[in-house]
Amino acid sequence: MTAKSTAARIPLPAWPGIIILAAAGMVSLVVLFLFDPSQYPFYPRCMFHQFTGWNCPGCGSLRGMHQLLHGHLALALRCNALLILSLPVAAVYAMTQFFRWRAGRPVWFPAVRPGAVLWILGVLVLFTVVRNIPCAPFIYLSPP
């Protein structure tokens, strides 16, 4: 066996990538904290909303995260309830994977079943339709 083929099998440490990803995430959060998406034009606009006039499942996400970073939970829920309510689930999953990785166990990426994909798509479509109904109480799911 040659030294060249042995060196190719040695895995590179993941720390540089993790540090770069964490730094990019922190910079993004600082920018989102300092600059309100409803007041600064450098944030991307929703193409679905521009073409249809409807709010997509992601509309209000940046404004909601901005409000959440400032500690305004009610306003964050008003901007995008689906995103804000899914954050604890994502955090628990991320922490579980982190502790598995730290313990030397393989990181678990669940197999995505077709039924789960259909269920998630159904929730997204239902949330989109309900947040675009122009009467109370549904109007409160639409971002301000």
Protein backbone atom coordinates (compact mmCIF):
# COMPACT_ATOMS: atom_id res chain seq x y z
CA MET A 1 0.00 0.00 0.00
CA THR A 2 1.42 3.37 -0.88
CA ALA A 3 1.57 6.41 1.35
CA LYS A 4 -0.61 8.30 -1.09
CA SER A 5 -3.55 5.90 -0.80
CA THR A 6 -3.18 5.75 3.01
CA ALA A 7 -3.24 9.53 3.31
CA ALA A 8 -6.43 9.70 1.27
CA ARG A 9 -8.23 7.53 3.85
CA ILE A 10 -7.42 9.76 6.82
CA PRO A 11 -10.48 11.93 7.48
CA LEU A 12 -9.92 15.63 7.80
CA PRO A 13 -11.13 17.21 11.03
CA ALA A 14 -14.55 18.83 10.74
CA TRP A 15 -13.68 21.72 13.05
CA PRO A 16 -12.74 24.30 10.38
CA GLY A 17 -16.07 23.79 8.62
CA ILE A 18 -17.98 23.87 11.90
CA ILE A 19 -16.23 27.08 12.97
CA ILE A 20 -16.88 28.76 9.61
CA LEU A 21 -20.53 27.71 9.67
CA ALA A 22 -20.98 28.90 13.27
CA ALA A 23 -19.28 32.24 12.49
CA ALA A 24 -21.49 32.78 9.43
CA GLY A 25 -24.57 31.99 11.51
CA MET A 26 -23.53 34.41 14.25
CA VAL A 27 -22.82 37.20 11.74
CA SER A 28 -26.24 36.58 10.15
CA LEU A 29 -27.96 36.78 13.53
CA VAL A 30 -26.12 40.01 14.43
CA VAL A 31 -27.13 41.59 11.11
CA LEU A 32 -30.73 40.43 11.63
CA PHE A 33 -30.68 41.80 15.18
CA LEU A 34 -29.32 45.21 14.17
CA PHE A 35 -31.25 45.80 10.93
CA ASP A 36 -35.03 45.40 10.90
CA PRO A 37 -36.10 43.56 7.69
CA SER A 38 -39.17 45.79 7.38
CA GLN A 39 -37.00 48.92 7.19
CA TYR A 40 -33.92 47.91 5.16
CA PRO A 41 -34.12 46.96 1.47
CA PHE A 42 -31.08 44.65 1.31
CA TYR A 43 -33.09 41.67 2.55
CA PRO A 44 -34.57 39.42 -0.16
CA ARG A 45 -38.22 39.85 -1.10
CA CYS A 46 -40.62 36.94 -1.49
CA MET A 47 -41.14 36.23 -5.18
CA PHE A 48 -44.30 34.20 -4.48
CA HIS A 49 -45.85 37.19 -2.68
CA GLN A 50 -44.78 39.61 -5.41
CA PHE A 51 -46.37 37.51 -8.17
CA THR A 52 -49.53 36.30 -6.39
CA GLY A 53 -50.18 38.72 -3.54
CA TRP A 54 -50.50 35.72 -1.21
CA ASN A 55 -48.25 35.06 1.78
CA CYS A 56 -46.23 31.86 1.38
CA PRO A 57 -45.32 29.68 4.40
CA GLY A 58 -42.02 31.57 4.69
CA CYS A 59 -43.37 35.11 4.44
CA GLY A 60 -42.56 37.03 7.59
CA SER A 61 -39.77 34.67 8.66
CA LEU A 62 -37.04 37.32 8.71
CA ARG A 63 -39.30 39.78 10.53
CA GLY A 64 -40.30 37.04 12.96
CA MET A 65 -36.69 36.12 13.69
CA HIS A 66 -35.85 39.81 14.15
CA GLN A 67 -38.66 40.14 16.70
CA LEU A 68 -37.63 36.91 18.43
CA LEU A 69 -34.03 38.10 18.72
CA HIS A 70 -35.37 41.22 20.45
CA GLY A 71 -37.44 39.09 22.85
CA HIS A 72 -40.86 39.91 21.38
CA LEU A 73 -42.41 36.44 21.21
CA ALA A 74 -45.96 37.61 20.45
CA LEU A 75 -44.80 39.76 17.53
CA ALA A 76 -42.60 36.93 16.27
CA LEU A 77 -45.59 34.57 16.31
CA ARG A 78 -47.62 37.21 14.49
CA CYS A 79 -45.00 37.41 11.73
CA ASN A 80 -44.66 33.65 11.12
CA ALA A 81 -46.15 31.29 13.68
CA LEU A 82 -45.12 28.13 11.81
CA LEU A 83 -41.44 29.05 11.85
CA ILE A 84 -41.40 30.19 15.47
CA LEU A 85 -43.25 27.09 16.70
CA SER A 86 -40.92 24.79 14.73
CA LEU A 87 -37.74 26.29 16.22
CA PRO A 88 -37.90 24.31 19.51
CA VAL A 89 -38.31 21.05 17.54
CA ALA A 90 -35.30 21.92 15.37
CA ALA A 91 -33.26 22.89 18.46
CA VAL A 92 -34.01 19.60 20.23
CA TYR A 93 -33.06 17.65 17.10
CA ALA A 94 -29.82 19.63 16.67
CA MET A 95 -28.83 19.18 20.33
CA THR A 96 -29.58 15.45 20.15
CA GLN A 97 -27.33 15.10 17.11
CA PHE A 98 -24.61 17.19 18.74
CA PHE A 99 -24.54 14.98 21.84
CA ARG A 100 -24.54 11.83 19.69
CA TRP A 101 -21.58 13.23 17.76
CA ARG A 102 -19.72 14.19 20.97
CA ALA A 103 -20.27 10.69 22.37
CA GLY A 104 -18.72 9.14 19.26
CA ARG A 105 -21.98 7.64 18.05
CA PRO A 106 -23.07 8.08 14.44
CA VAL A 107 -25.20 11.08 13.67
CA TRP A 108 -28.70 9.97 12.85
CA PHE A 109 -30.37 11.36 9.76
CA PRO A 110 -33.83 9.84 9.69
CA ALA A 111 -35.06 8.27 6.50
CA VAL A 112 -37.69 10.49 4.98
CA ARG A 113 -40.77 8.46 4.32
CA PRO A 114 -43.19 9.47 1.55
CA GLY A 115 -46.00 9.77 4.10
CA ALA A 116 -43.97 12.22 6.16
CA VAL A 117 -43.21 14.34 3.10
CA LEU A 118 -46.91 14.43 2.20
CA TRP A 119 -47.81 15.33 5.79
CA ILE A 120 -45.28 18.20 5.85
CA LEU A 121 -46.45 19.46 2.46
CA GLY A 122 -50.04 19.28 3.70
CA VAL A 123 -49.18 21.37 6.76
CA LEU A 124 -47.41 23.94 4.57
CA VAL A 125 -50.33 24.16 2.13
CA LEU A 126 -52.88 24.38 4.96
CA PHE A 127 -50.84 27.09 6.71
CA THR A 128 -50.58 29.02 3.42
CA VAL A 129 -54.31 28.86 2.75
CA VAL A 130 -55.35 29.66 6.32
CA ARG A 131 -52.99 32.63 6.69
CA ASN A 132 -54.42 34.14 3.49
CA ILE A 133 -58.08 34.04 4.58
CA PRO A 134 -58.95 37.75 4.93
CA CYS A 135 -61.08 37.62 8.08
CA ALA A 136 -60.59 37.17 11.82
CA PRO A 137 -59.11 35.08 13.40
CA PHE A 138 -57.12 33.94 10.35
CA ILE A 139 -55.88 37.43 9.54
CA TYR A 140 -53.62 37.21 12.62
CA LEU A 141 -51.57 34.47 10.93
CA SER A 142 -50.65 36.89 8.13
CA PRO A 143 -47.53 38.98 8.74
CA PRO A 144 -48.15 42.64 9.58
